[in-house]
Structures are given as C-alpha cells and as structure tokens.
Amino acid sequence: MSGWRVVLTADETMMSTYGGRLFLGFLTTGPIKGFIPMPLMEKFILTPIPSKSNGEAILAPHGLRRVEAALIESGVVDENDVIVVHPRNLRKVVGSNTKAILISAIDPLGMGPASTTFAGPYGVIHAESFTKRKFRELVCSNIVQRVRKHGTVIVGGPGAWQISRDVMYDYGIDIVVVGEGEKKVPELLGKILKGWKPKEPMIVYVNRNEIVSADEIPLLRGGTIGGLVEISRGCGRGCKFCSPTTVPLRHRRIDDILKDVEVNVRAGQTSICLHAEDVLQYGGTPFRKRPEKVVELFSRVTSSPGVVNVGISHASLASIAEMPNTVARVSEIIALSDRKWMGYQTGIESGSPRLIEMWMKFKPYPFKPKDWPDVVEQAFGISNDYHWVPAATLIVNLPGETEDDILKTVELIDRLRPYKSLIVPLLFVPLRPTEGCRRMRLLEDASPAHWELYKAIWEHDMHWLRKLASEYLNNISVMRRTAILVKFVVNVITWYANKRVKRIINEGKQRSLSKAIILR
C-alpha cells in the first residue's frame, strides 16, 4: 500500500495505556529530569497502546476517536481511507497516498497548569515536560515532515491553544484547529482531499455556532484509553479562568452513551470511566440537578454486558454537598466499599470566599461563595463516607490574590486532614488575556504565605499517600510493572523526598521572610 489517505495520531504521552491506570498519565506533565527518569517513564508509564498487525490502534485517546468518527460520518472519507495509529507505527501507514496527518495534542508546549507547575521556567524543576518533548519529537520527525511534500499536517485537541504561528513555522505545522473539531475538521479535510493546502500556517478558531449539539456528537468507532466515555460536554458554572465554561453545557442521550460503552467492551475495556466536568450534573444544570438521571445512567452502564467496573473522571464539590443521597446511591450501584474506593478529580481552587466571589461565584451553587470552605469540607466528608477519594487542585497566584487569601486556604487544608484525599497546587495559567495576571515561579517567587500553603499541602498528602498507595495496590487490579513503579515512587517520596521537601520549604520560607523585611 502507498499509504492511508488520512492518518490520525498523537504523541507518546497520549497514545499510552499508562500501565493500566488512566490517571497515571498526569505524571507525563512532569519534567524530563528530576522526578521520574526518562527510561522509567517510558518503561512503566508510556506503555504503548495495543495495535493490530497493520499498525491500527486498538485503543486511542477519546478526542481522537471522536474526530475519526466525525470524518467517517460526514462522508468525507470512508473506513478504508482513515486509520488511527501509535506514532511508532507511522511508517507502516504513511506513504505517497497520504494527504493528511491529524495530530491530537493535550499539552504540546508544556503550558498547561500541571506542566507549568512542575516543569518549565515557572515550575519546581526548570526542565521541559515529557509532554512538550514527546510532541516535538513527533511533529518534527522525518516521517511527519515528509508528508508535507504531498499532504497537510493538522494539529488540534485540548492543547491547541498553546501553539502560535511562530511555533507552526518552527515545527512544520500547516493548520491548527482550536476548539471542538467534529464539524470544522471534516470541512477542512474535504478541501484538502480536493487539492487545497494553506499557503502559510493557519490557525482556525471554532465558533460557538460551529460546534455539535449533544445528539450530533458522533459515536465511537473504536476503544478509548482508560475506557473513557463522554457523558456531557461543557460546564455551565461560569468560572472566569476555565475553558469548559466557554462552550454550552450538553448532555448525551443514555442510549448513545451505552453504544460507546459497548464499543469499548468489544475492544477489551471492561472498566468504564464516565467523563464530564461534573458527573453529578448529568441531565441537568448547575441550577437544577436531575438526580434521577444520574442514577439511571449509572444503573444502565453498570448493568451493560461485559462491564466490570464503572468510575468517573470529575465531580463538583458543590454537587456532592448538595446531593449526598445521590452520591450514596451511585456508590451502591457501582459497589464501592472500604476495599474498593473510587478516585475522582475536583477543584477546590481557593479557601478564600473573596476570591471565589471574584473569579467563580457560581462554583459553590446552590451555596454562597461565603460558605465555600464549609461546602468543601462537607463534600470531602460525604466522599469519605461513600468511598469516593478526591484528587483536588488548588490554584496558586489567582489574580488579586493576597496573603490573607492564601492563609484562608491554609486553614481550609488543615480542616481537610481527616479526609482521605490528595491535594495538588497548580499555578494559575490564563487561557486568554486576564486583567491583573502576573506570572509567578512556584518556588522562587513564593511569599511566606505561599510557603505555609505548600507546607500544609505536603503534610496533608504525606499523611495519606502511603495508605492510598497500599490500598490501591492491594484492592485494585493493576499491571505488575505499574505496581513496581507506584511502590518505587512512594518509597522515594516518603523515605527521601519528604525530608528534602521539608528542608526546602523551611529554607524557602526563611528566604521569603528575609526578602520581605528588606523590601520594607
């Protein structure tokens, strides 16, 4: 074969099974040196997705699967024209007949909140992230760049906003699509297959009237990494710094969700992860919940043939505090217990009611911003009661942040110590120009109050890390080499890094106090 006409891929940090656990993929936002050495990362975390003998991927990132389905459903290509592959298999599928390579990117330049915090010029270790390194290696590779002689290189995905025209020239990218691509990408590809190609790098921004409705979201045609199945898109709470609030909230029909579940089961994914910005918001809005819809969703997914486990990606703390009975019912349906807990991602963001009011006043709804610290603690308590374990983020350096705001967050962290959880600080990353935003290096620019916050977070996580890791390995089925890596990381953190981090925190606090005195 002289090559497939359309090839879909992503860099190695996205085209991986992550040793059997989807959320271990966040380790790839760390620096290429300092946390986990590259050889260990490639051996234990960046385990390539399974593929067929012709190179076709059996599993792929969820967003890439949606684009694949959109291209076929639109009629722009048929199933024999398009293939999804791991980058290591590009040589098997790319040839003179290839008219386009579509590359999905989640953090191509290491500018996301996690990678900015842990790597790069502002992070803990000033080295590029795995995500940035692997994206550059893919896009700048000879096999991709050779396609440009007779075809087009297109990049899209959640991280497309990071790519400027200067980067496009440097890396050899023809088109970048920013926003949901189910309509725009088939439109562009139709023109490309008829011989069109932009004369210079072109960034395409998807408008609100160019996005799909819930019923138009194309059904998956192949398995997704982690068994991820989208149930809703958008958020609706209107936080000023967050990209999901820029698109309308839409909920997919349960029948369509079940079809995606079935596709995953056929691909061997018996553990399904239901994805939304707030799973408890399914079927409703932040202002009117539909608990019966949530219960119906979990009941039907759990009872689907071949499904063994059901988990979630994200849940809102306000929804948990508002809907404890629904949390209890979901836990019963998916059979959670002391020996089988479910992790989920959520955002605390700040313990300061003033900052909540300023930047995310509807985040606590139906509660008030002034009640946010109580809402957070209540939600953590409910989560622990029903075997949900929060992996929560805090935003450092929100515009307008004061020492008092930071200390209020420290007080909240101290209140959360009794509840099994992990908490991660992330630097504020503006996705668009934001008034009052000033960039901050996590360590070098930290104030005395920031160091108090880092200390509180570190002590909280050290209190729970060993217990969580032990339960994770004992009670959840994981691949053997994943277990080895988890034990290695936990041992390094608890036996070596703990003392070093405490020393860094104490020294950093003393330096910042001395600096503050001098500035006075």
Protein backbone atom coordinates (compact mmCIF):
# COMPACT_ATOMS: atom_id res chain seq x y z
CA MET A 1 0.00 0.00 0.00
CA SER A 2 1.24 3.53 -0.79
CA GLY A 3 -0.20 4.82 2.45
CA TRP A 4 -3.57 5.57 4.00
CA ARG A 5 -5.11 8.80 2.77
CA VAL A 6 -5.79 10.14 6.29
CA VAL A 7 -3.74 9.23 9.38
CA LEU A 8 -4.69 10.13 12.94
CA THR A 9 -2.16 10.00 15.77
CA ALA A 10 -0.88 11.71 18.92
CA ASP A 11 2.41 11.82 20.76
CA GLU A 12 3.52 9.00 23.07
CA THR A 13 2.26 10.73 26.23
CA MET A 14 -1.27 10.41 24.85
CA MET A 15 -1.02 7.09 22.99
CA SER A 16 -0.31 5.06 26.11
CA THR A 17 -2.18 2.72 28.45
CA TYR A 18 -0.34 4.31 31.41
CA GLY A 19 0.36 0.91 32.90
CA GLY A 20 -3.35 0.19 33.17
CA ARG A 21 -4.41 3.32 35.06
CA LEU A 22 -5.70 6.36 33.16
CA PHE A 23 -4.85 8.96 35.80
CA LEU A 24 -1.18 7.95 35.92
CA GLY A 25 -0.99 9.84 32.64
CA PHE A 26 -0.70 13.05 34.65
CA LEU A 27 2.87 12.03 35.51
CA THR A 28 3.78 12.95 31.93
CA THR A 29 3.27 16.64 32.78
CA GLY A 30 6.39 16.45 34.96
CA PRO A 31 9.92 17.43 33.88
CA ILE A 32 12.04 15.08 31.80
CA LYS A 33 14.62 15.08 34.57
CA GLY A 34 14.26 15.27 38.31
CA PHE A 35 11.03 13.42 39.16
CA ILE A 36 10.95 10.23 37.11
CA PRO A 37 13.88 9.47 34.78
CA MET A 38 13.02 9.13 31.11
CA PRO A 39 13.86 5.39 30.97
CA LEU A 40 11.50 4.66 33.88
CA MET A 41 8.76 6.82 32.37
CA GLU A 42 8.99 5.06 29.02
CA LYS A 43 9.10 1.57 30.57
CA PHE A 44 6.40 1.88 33.24
CA ILE A 45 4.07 4.72 32.21
CA LEU A 46 4.35 5.29 28.45
CA THR A 47 3.39 1.72 27.62
CA PRO A 48 2.21 1.82 24.01
CA ILE A 49 -1.44 1.20 23.27
CA PRO A 50 -2.18 -2.23 21.73
CA SER A 51 -2.21 -2.31 17.95
CA LYS A 52 -3.15 -4.67 15.13
CA SER A 53 -0.56 -6.16 12.79
CA ASN A 54 -1.21 -3.42 10.21
CA GLY A 55 -0.45 -0.74 12.80
CA GLU A 56 -4.05 0.23 13.54
CA ALA A 57 -4.60 1.26 17.16
CA ILE A 58 -6.98 -0.88 19.21
CA LEU A 59 -7.21 1.92 21.80
CA ALA A 60 -6.80 5.67 21.31
CA PRO A 61 -7.44 8.98 23.10
CA HIS A 62 -11.12 9.83 23.38
CA GLY A 63 -10.89 13.07 21.39
CA LEU A 64 -9.05 11.38 18.53
CA ARG A 65 -11.79 8.75 18.37
CA ARG A 66 -14.44 11.47 18.09
CA VAL A 67 -12.62 13.07 15.16
CA GLU A 68 -12.22 9.67 13.50
CA ALA A 69 -15.96 9.07 13.82
CA ALA A 70 -16.81 12.58 12.62
CA LEU A 71 -14.73 12.16 9.46
CA ILE A 72 -16.47 8.91 8.57
CA GLU A 73 -19.99 10.03 9.48
CA SER A 74 -19.56 13.23 7.45
CA GLY A 75 -18.84 11.17 4.34
CA VAL A 76 -15.56 12.98 3.72
CA VAL A 77 -13.76 9.63 3.97
CA ASP A 78 -14.82 6.03 4.38
CA GLU A 79 -13.43 3.49 6.81
CA ASN A 80 -10.82 2.34 4.30
CA ASP A 81 -9.37 5.85 4.00
CA VAL A 82 -8.63 6.68 7.64
CA ILE A 83 -6.56 4.95 10.32
CA VAL A 84 -5.59 5.72 13.93
CA VAL A 85 -2.05 4.69 14.91
CA HIS A 86 0.60 4.97 17.62
CA PRO A 87 3.44 7.22 16.36
CA ARG A 88 5.79 4.23 16.33
CA ASN A 89 3.61 2.70 13.62
CA LEU A 90 3.53 5.70 11.32
CA ARG A 91 5.99 4.09 8.87
CA LYS A 92 3.53 1.23 8.36
CA VAL A 93 0.70 3.51 7.25
CA VAL A 94 2.20 6.68 5.76
CA GLY A 95 3.08 6.86 2.08
CA SER A 96 2.77 8.90 -1.08
CA ASN A 97 -1.01 8.49 -0.97
CA THR A 98 -1.24 10.15 2.48
CA LYS A 99 -2.95 13.53 2.14
CA ALA A 100 -3.21 14.49 5.80
CA ILE A 101 -1.84 13.63 9.22
CA LEU A 102 -4.12 14.76 12.05
CA ILE A 103 -2.38 15.06 15.41
CA SER A 104 -4.19 15.45 18.71
CA ALA A 105 -2.41 17.48 21.38
CA ILE A 106 -3.24 17.94 25.05
CA ASP A 107 -0.14 19.84 26.26
CA PRO A 108 2.12 20.38 23.23
CA LEU A 109 4.31 23.13 24.67
CA GLY A 110 4.11 22.25 28.37
CA MET A 111 1.95 25.31 29.09
CA GLY A 112 -0.90 23.60 30.93
CA PRO A 113 -1.47 24.17 34.68
CA ALA A 114 0.16 20.88 35.73
CA SER A 115 3.21 21.08 33.45
CA THR A 116 3.69 24.79 34.25
CA THR A 117 3.70 23.95 37.96
CA PHE A 118 6.10 21.02 37.84
CA ALA A 119 8.29 21.81 34.82
CA GLY A 120 9.40 24.64 32.57
CA PRO A 121 10.52 28.16 33.53
CA TYR A 122 7.92 28.57 36.29
CA GLY A 123 7.83 25.06 37.73
CA VAL A 124 9.50 23.13 40.52
CA ILE A 125 12.24 21.89 38.16
CA HIS A 126 13.23 24.13 35.25
CA ALA A 127 13.27 21.48 32.55
CA GLU A 128 10.82 20.83 29.73
CA SER A 129 7.94 18.46 30.40
CA PHE A 130 7.57 14.99 28.92
CA THR A 131 4.52 16.28 27.06
CA LYS A 132 6.49 19.02 25.32
CA ARG A 133 9.43 16.75 24.48
CA LYS A 134 7.29 13.99 23.01
CA PHE A 135 5.08 16.35 21.00
CA ARG A 136 8.11 17.98 19.40
CA GLU A 137 9.69 14.61 18.65
CA LEU A 138 6.52 13.50 16.83
CA VAL A 139 5.70 16.61 14.83
CA CYS A 140 9.31 17.33 13.84
CA SER A 141 10.04 13.72 12.92
CA ASN A 142 11.13 12.91 9.38
CA ILE A 143 8.08 10.72 8.76
CA VAL A 144 5.63 13.54 9.59
CA GLN A 145 7.57 16.24 7.77
CA ARG A 146 7.85 14.12 4.62
CA VAL A 147 4.08 14.09 4.42
CA ARG A 148 4.11 17.88 3.96
CA LYS A 149 5.61 17.40 0.49
CA HIS A 150 2.32 15.96 -0.74
CA GLY A 151 -0.07 16.49 2.15
CA THR A 152 -1.03 18.57 5.17
CA VAL A 153 -0.18 18.38 8.88
CA ILE A 154 -3.09 19.38 11.14
CA VAL A 155 -2.94 19.73 14.93
CA GLY A 156 -5.97 20.01 17.21
CA GLY A 157 -7.14 18.92 20.63
CA PRO A 158 -7.42 20.50 24.10
CA GLY A 159 -3.88 21.92 23.97
CA ALA A 160 -4.10 23.50 20.52
CA TRP A 161 -4.44 26.97 22.10
CA GLN A 162 -0.76 26.78 23.10
CA ILE A 163 0.51 26.79 19.52
CA SER A 164 1.35 30.11 17.89
CA ARG A 165 2.21 30.77 14.25
CA ASP A 166 5.88 31.05 15.18
CA VAL A 167 5.74 27.53 16.61
CA MET A 168 3.94 26.34 13.48
CA TYR A 169 6.80 27.64 11.33
CA ASP A 170 9.43 26.10 13.62
CA TYR A 171 7.73 22.71 13.92
CA GLY A 172 6.34 22.41 10.40
CA ILE A 173 2.58 22.53 11.10
CA ASP A 174 0.17 23.64 8.38
CA ILE A 175 -3.11 24.04 10.28
CA VAL A 176 -4.05 24.31 13.95
CA VAL A 177 -7.70 23.89 14.96
CA VAL A 178 -8.64 25.48 18.29
CA GLY A 179 -11.96 24.25 19.67
CA GLU A 180 -14.32 21.35 19.07
CA GLY A 181 -13.47 19.73 15.77
CA GLU A 182 -16.36 17.44 14.83
CA LYS A 183 -17.67 19.88 12.21
CA LYS A 184 -14.65 22.00 11.35
CA VAL A 185 -12.12 19.19 10.78
CA PRO A 186 -14.26 17.32 8.19
CA GLU A 187 -14.85 20.64 6.43
CA LEU A 188 -11.11 21.36 6.24
CA LEU A 189 -10.23 17.81 5.27
CA GLY A 190 -12.78 17.81 2.46
CA LYS A 191 -10.97 20.77 0.92
CA ILE A 192 -7.56 19.17 1.47
CA LEU A 193 -8.59 15.95 -0.26
CA LYS A 194 -9.62 18.06 -3.27
CA GLY A 195 -6.13 19.52 -3.52
CA TRP A 196 -6.26 22.60 -1.30
CA LYS A 197 -3.47 23.46 1.11
CA PRO A 198 -2.88 26.73 3.01
CA LYS A 199 -0.02 28.77 1.61
CA GLU A 200 1.20 29.62 5.10
CA PRO A 201 0.45 28.33 8.62
CA MET A 202 -3.18 28.88 9.50
CA ILE A 203 -4.90 28.87 12.91
CA VAL A 204 -8.62 28.09 12.76
CA TYR A 205 -10.80 29.07 15.71
CA VAL A 206 -14.08 27.19 16.06
CA ASN A 207 -17.05 29.46 16.78
CA ARG A 208 -19.98 28.54 19.04
CA ASN A 209 -22.24 28.11 16.00
CA GLU A 210 -19.77 25.56 14.57
CA ILE A 211 -19.91 23.07 17.44
CA VAL A 212 -22.10 19.98 17.58
CA SER A 213 -25.20 19.52 19.68
CA ALA A 214 -25.32 16.63 22.15
CA ASP A 215 -27.20 14.45 19.68
CA GLU A 216 -24.68 15.25 16.92
CA ILE A 217 -21.65 14.01 18.84
CA PRO A 218 -20.52 11.07 16.69
CA LEU A 219 -20.48 7.59 18.20
CA LEU A 220 -17.13 5.99 18.92
CA ARG A 221 -15.80 3.52 16.34
CA GLY A 222 -13.00 2.14 18.47
CA GLY A 223 -11.94 1.67 22.07
CA THR A 224 -10.65 4.57 24.16
CA ILE A 225 -7.74 4.67 26.57
CA GLY A 226 -9.00 4.04 30.08
CA GLY A 227 -12.42 3.09 28.74
CA LEU A 228 -13.25 6.81 28.78
CA VAL A 229 -16.81 7.59 27.65
CA GLU A 230 -18.08 11.14 27.44
CA ILE A 231 -21.50 11.75 29.03
CA SER A 232 -21.60 15.55 28.98
CA ARG A 233 -19.69 18.42 27.43
CA GLY A 234 -19.25 21.91 28.85
CA CYS A 235 -19.83 23.05 32.43
CA GLY A 236 -22.18 25.97 32.95
CA ARG A 237 -20.77 27.33 36.22
CA GLY A 238 -19.06 30.24 34.50
CA CYS A 239 -15.66 30.33 36.22
CA LYS A 240 -13.74 33.14 34.53
CA PHE A 241 -10.46 31.24 34.11
CA CYS A 242 -11.73 27.91 32.79
CA SER A 243 -12.09 26.76 29.16
CA PRO A 244 -15.09 24.35 29.57
CA THR A 245 -17.22 27.36 30.54
CA THR A 246 -16.69 28.86 27.07
CA VAL A 247 -18.88 26.21 25.44
CA PRO A 248 -22.53 25.38 26.25
CA LEU A 249 -23.41 22.51 28.57
CA ARG A 250 -24.76 19.49 26.68
CA HIS A 251 -25.75 16.02 27.87
CA ARG A 252 -25.65 12.97 25.61
CA ARG A 253 -28.51 10.50 25.39
CA ILE A 254 -28.06 7.45 27.58
CA ASP A 255 -28.60 5.18 24.56
CA ASP A 256 -25.67 6.87 22.78
CA ILE A 257 -23.51 6.55 25.88
CA LEU A 258 -24.32 2.85 26.09
CA LYS A 259 -23.30 2.37 22.46
CA ASP A 260 -19.91 3.90 23.27
CA VAL A 261 -19.66 1.60 26.28
CA GLU A 262 -20.38 -1.38 24.04
CA VAL A 263 -17.63 -0.34 21.61
CA ASN A 264 -15.17 -0.16 24.49
CA VAL A 265 -16.14 -3.54 25.86
CA ARG A 266 -15.58 -5.08 22.43
CA ALA A 267 -12.10 -3.52 22.49
CA GLY A 268 -11.39 -5.20 25.82
CA GLN A 269 -12.14 -2.21 28.06
CA THR A 270 -14.31 -3.71 30.79
CA SER A 271 -13.61 -0.81 33.18
CA ILE A 272 -15.52 2.27 32.03
CA CYS A 273 -14.70 5.83 33.11
CA LEU A 274 -17.65 8.21 32.68
CA HIS A 275 -16.36 11.64 31.73
CA ALA A 276 -17.86 15.08 32.33
CA GLU A 277 -16.76 18.24 34.08
CA ASP A 278 -19.26 17.26 36.78
CA VAL A 279 -20.74 13.78 36.51
CA LEU A 280 -23.42 14.59 39.12
CA GLN A 281 -24.69 17.33 36.84
CA TYR A 282 -25.70 14.82 34.15
CA GLY A 283 -29.13 15.59 32.68
CA GLY A 284 -29.44 18.94 34.45
CA THR A 285 -27.64 22.22 35.06
CA PRO A 286 -25.74 23.76 37.98
CA PHE A 287 -29.03 25.39 38.93
CA ARG A 288 -31.33 22.39 38.54
CA LYS A 289 -29.98 18.92 39.20
CA ARG A 290 -31.63 15.73 37.91
CA PRO A 291 -30.57 13.04 40.39
CA GLU A 292 -32.90 10.51 38.80
CA LYS A 293 -30.99 10.90 35.52
CA VAL A 294 -27.66 10.33 37.29
CA VAL A 295 -28.97 7.19 38.98
CA GLU A 296 -30.44 5.88 35.72
CA LEU A 297 -27.13 6.50 33.92
CA PHE A 298 -25.05 4.57 36.45
CA SER A 299 -27.61 1.77 36.71
CA ARG A 300 -27.69 1.19 32.97
CA VAL A 301 -23.94 1.48 32.41
CA THR A 302 -23.16 -0.84 35.31
CA SER A 303 -25.60 -3.46 34.01
CA SER A 304 -24.27 -3.29 30.44
CA PRO A 305 -22.93 -6.65 29.20
CA GLY A 306 -19.22 -7.05 29.80
CA VAL A 307 -18.82 -4.06 32.13
CA VAL A 308 -16.90 -4.99 35.29
CA ASN A 309 -16.12 -1.60 36.86
CA VAL A 310 -17.50 1.91 36.48
CA GLY A 311 -15.70 5.06 37.61
CA ILE A 312 -15.82 8.79 36.93
CA SER A 313 -13.38 11.49 35.88
CA HIS A 314 -14.67 14.63 37.62
CA ALA A 315 -17.26 15.74 40.15
CA SER A 316 -18.05 19.14 41.65
CA LEU A 317 -17.71 19.53 45.41
CA ALA A 318 -20.82 21.71 45.45
CA SER A 319 -22.82 18.97 43.73
CA ILE A 320 -21.57 16.39 46.23
CA ALA A 321 -22.55 18.62 49.16
CA GLU A 322 -25.94 19.26 47.56
CA MET A 323 -26.66 15.63 46.62
CA PRO A 324 -25.41 13.27 49.36
CA ASN A 325 -28.25 10.82 48.70
CA THR A 326 -27.28 10.61 45.04
CA VAL A 327 -23.65 10.02 45.98
CA ALA A 328 -24.80 7.22 48.29
CA ARG A 329 -26.98 5.68 45.57
CA VAL A 330 -24.18 5.79 42.96
CA SER A 331 -21.79 4.15 45.41
CA GLU A 332 -24.30 1.39 46.00
CA ILE A 333 -24.85 0.84 42.27
CA ILE A 334 -21.14 0.53 41.44
CA ALA A 335 -20.50 -1.47 44.64
CA LEU A 336 -17.98 0.74 46.41
CA SER A 337 -16.70 -0.25 49.82
CA ASP A 338 -13.74 0.13 52.19
CA ARG A 339 -11.89 -2.32 49.96
CA LYS A 340 -12.98 -0.71 46.70
CA TRP A 341 -12.91 3.06 46.56
CA MET A 342 -13.22 5.37 43.57
CA GLY A 343 -10.90 8.28 42.87
CA TYR A 344 -12.12 11.41 41.10
CA GLN A 345 -10.78 14.82 40.15
CA THR A 346 -12.22 18.02 41.57
CA GLY A 347 -11.31 21.64 42.15
CA ILE A 348 -11.07 23.40 45.49
CA GLU A 349 -9.13 26.25 43.82
CA SER A 350 -9.13 28.51 46.90
CA GLY A 351 -10.19 28.64 50.53
CA SER A 352 -10.86 32.37 50.21
CA PRO A 353 -14.54 33.30 49.82
CA ARG A 354 -13.37 36.65 48.41
CA LEU A 355 -11.50 35.01 45.51
CA ILE A 356 -14.37 32.59 44.94
CA GLU A 357 -16.74 35.55 44.65
CA MET A 358 -14.33 37.36 42.31
CA TRP A 359 -13.46 34.51 39.91
CA MET A 360 -16.01 31.70 40.28
CA LYS A 361 -19.09 32.92 42.10
CA PHE A 362 -21.31 30.12 40.77
CA LYS A 363 -18.85 27.36 41.63
CA PRO A 364 -20.46 26.84 45.08
CA TYR A 365 -24.06 26.97 43.79
CA PRO A 366 -26.60 26.31 45.33
CA PHE A 367 -24.46 27.56 48.19
CA LYS A 368 -22.95 31.04 48.51
CA PRO A 369 -19.29 31.97 47.97
CA LYS A 370 -19.04 32.90 51.66
CA ASP A 371 -19.91 29.28 52.52
CA TRP A 372 -17.28 27.71 50.23
CA PRO A 373 -14.86 26.42 52.90
CA ASP A 374 -17.76 24.68 54.69
CA VAL A 375 -19.02 23.27 51.37
CA VAL A 376 -15.58 21.83 50.60
CA GLU A 377 -15.24 20.15 53.99
CA GLN A 378 -18.79 18.82 53.80
CA ALA A 379 -18.15 17.37 50.33
CA PHE A 380 -14.91 15.74 51.49
CA GLY A 381 -16.78 14.18 54.41
CA ILE A 382 -19.55 12.84 52.17
CA SER A 383 -16.95 11.50 49.75
CA ASN A 384 -15.20 9.61 52.55
CA ASP A 385 -18.49 8.25 53.87
CA TYR A 386 -19.28 6.70 50.50
CA HIS A 387 -15.76 5.68 49.40
CA TRP A 388 -15.06 8.46 46.92
CA VAL A 389 -11.48 9.78 47.14
CA PRO A 390 -10.90 13.34 45.89
CA ALA A 391 -7.78 14.32 43.96
CA ALA A 392 -8.25 18.05 44.38
CA THR A 393 -6.49 21.03 42.84
CA LEU A 394 -5.72 24.46 44.30
CA ILE A 395 -4.86 27.48 42.17
CA VAL A 396 -1.79 29.43 43.24
CA ASN A 397 -1.47 33.06 42.14
CA LEU A 398 -5.04 33.83 41.13
CA PRO A 399 -5.11 37.48 40.00
CA GLY A 400 -5.82 39.65 43.02
CA GLU A 401 -4.59 37.03 45.49
CA THR A 402 -3.43 38.45 48.84
CA GLU A 403 -1.60 36.96 51.82
CA ASP A 404 -4.91 36.76 53.68
CA ASP A 405 -6.47 34.77 50.82
CA ILE A 406 -3.60 32.29 50.91
CA LEU A 407 -3.81 31.87 54.68
CA LYS A 408 -7.53 31.19 54.43
CA THR A 409 -6.66 28.38 52.01
CA VAL A 410 -4.12 27.06 54.52
CA GLU A 411 -6.84 26.99 57.17
CA LEU A 412 -9.08 25.00 54.84
CA ILE A 413 -6.35 22.47 54.08
CA ASP A 414 -5.87 21.92 57.81
CA ARG A 415 -9.61 21.24 58.15
CA LEU A 416 -9.40 18.58 55.42
CA ARG A 417 -6.69 16.49 57.12
CA PRO A 418 -9.15 13.83 58.47
CA TYR A 419 -10.46 13.01 54.98
CA LYS A 420 -8.72 10.53 52.68
CA SER A 421 -7.61 12.58 49.68
CA LEU A 422 -4.73 14.12 47.75
CA ILE A 423 -4.35 17.84 47.10
CA VAL A 424 -2.21 19.40 44.35
CA PRO A 425 -1.29 23.08 43.95
CA LEU A 426 -1.31 24.37 40.38
CA LEU A 427 -0.11 27.72 39.12
CA PHE A 428 -2.73 29.95 37.52
CA VAL A 429 -2.48 29.65 33.74
CA PRO A 430 -4.54 32.18 31.76
CA LEU A 431 -6.02 30.71 28.61
CA ARG A 432 -6.71 34.23 27.35
CA PRO A 433 -5.55 37.74 28.39
CA THR A 434 -6.58 38.21 32.02
CA GLU A 435 -6.57 41.53 33.87
CA GLY A 436 -4.28 41.57 36.88
CA CYS A 437 -2.44 38.40 35.88
CA ARG A 438 1.26 38.29 36.72
CA ARG A 439 3.34 35.21 36.10
CA MET A 440 4.90 33.55 39.12
CA ARG A 441 7.58 30.94 39.62
CA LEU A 442 6.24 28.38 42.06
CA LEU A 443 9.29 28.39 44.34
CA GLU A 444 11.46 31.42 43.61
CA ASP A 445 8.59 33.93 43.76
CA ALA A 446 6.69 32.34 46.65
CA SER A 447 5.73 34.58 49.57
CA PRO A 448 5.86 33.46 53.22
CA ALA A 449 2.15 32.65 52.98
CA HIS A 450 2.73 30.54 49.86
CA TRP A 451 5.33 28.50 51.77
CA GLU A 452 2.79 27.94 54.55
CA LEU A 453 0.38 26.70 51.90
CA TYR A 454 2.96 24.34 50.37
CA LYS A 455 3.74 23.00 53.83
CA ALA A 456 0.08 22.36 54.62
CA ILE A 457 -0.48 20.59 51.29
CA TRP A 458 2.67 18.49 51.60
CA GLU A 459 1.83 17.38 55.14
CA HIS A 460 -1.72 16.51 54.07
CA ASP A 461 -0.52 14.39 51.15
CA MET A 462 2.20 12.67 53.18
CA HIS A 463 -0.45 11.81 55.78
CA TRP A 464 -2.46 9.92 53.16
CA LEU A 465 -0.03 8.87 50.42
CA ARG A 466 1.24 5.57 51.84
CA LYS A 467 -2.26 4.43 52.84
CA LEU A 468 -3.72 5.32 49.44
CA ALA A 469 -0.90 3.59 47.59
CA SER A 470 -1.23 0.45 49.72
CA GLU A 471 -4.99 0.25 49.19
CA TYR A 472 -4.57 0.99 45.50
CA LEU A 473 -2.18 -1.92 45.05
CA ASN A 474 -3.98 -4.36 47.34
CA ASN A 475 -7.56 -3.74 46.31
CA ILE A 476 -7.40 -2.67 42.66
CA SER A 477 -6.17 -4.82 39.81
CA VAL A 478 -3.10 -3.21 38.25
CA MET A 479 -0.36 -4.40 35.95
CA ARG A 480 2.70 -5.76 37.76
CA ARG A 481 5.08 -3.14 36.42
CA THR A 482 2.63 -0.40 37.41
CA ALA A 483 2.70 -1.76 40.95
CA ILE A 484 6.52 -1.72 40.88
CA LEU A 485 6.54 1.91 39.74
CA VAL A 486 3.96 3.00 42.33
CA LYS A 487 5.98 1.36 45.12
CA PHE A 488 9.17 2.97 43.81
CA VAL A 489 7.63 6.46 43.64
CA VAL A 490 6.01 6.17 47.08
CA ASN A 491 9.25 4.93 48.65
CA VAL A 492 11.26 7.73 47.09
CA ILE A 493 8.75 10.32 48.28
CA THR A 494 8.28 9.02 51.81
CA TRP A 495 11.86 7.92 52.56
CA TYR A 496 13.93 10.53 50.73
CA ALA A 497 11.91 13.38 49.25
CA ASN A 498 9.90 14.04 52.41
CA LYS A 499 12.91 15.24 54.41
CA ARG A 500 14.29 17.16 51.45
CA VAL A 501 10.97 18.87 50.69
CA LYS A 502 10.52 19.89 54.32
CA ARG A 503 14.01 21.40 54.28
CA ILE A 504 13.26 23.24 51.01
CA ILE A 505 10.01 24.59 52.48
CA ASN A 506 11.71 25.83 55.65
CA GLU A 507 14.58 27.40 53.73
CA GLY A 508 12.22 28.95 51.19
CA LYS A 509 10.08 30.46 53.93
CA GLN A 510 13.14 31.97 55.62
CA ARG A 511 14.37 33.46 52.34
CA SER A 512 10.97 34.96 51.55
CA LEU A 513 10.71 36.42 55.07
CA SER A 514 14.16 37.97 54.75
CA LYS A 515 13.26 39.38 51.34
CA ALA A 516 10.02 40.84 52.70
CA ILE A 517 11.93 42.54 55.53
CA ILE A 518 14.45 44.04 53.10
CA LEU A 519 11.68 45.35 50.82
CA ARG A 520 10.08 47.12 53.75
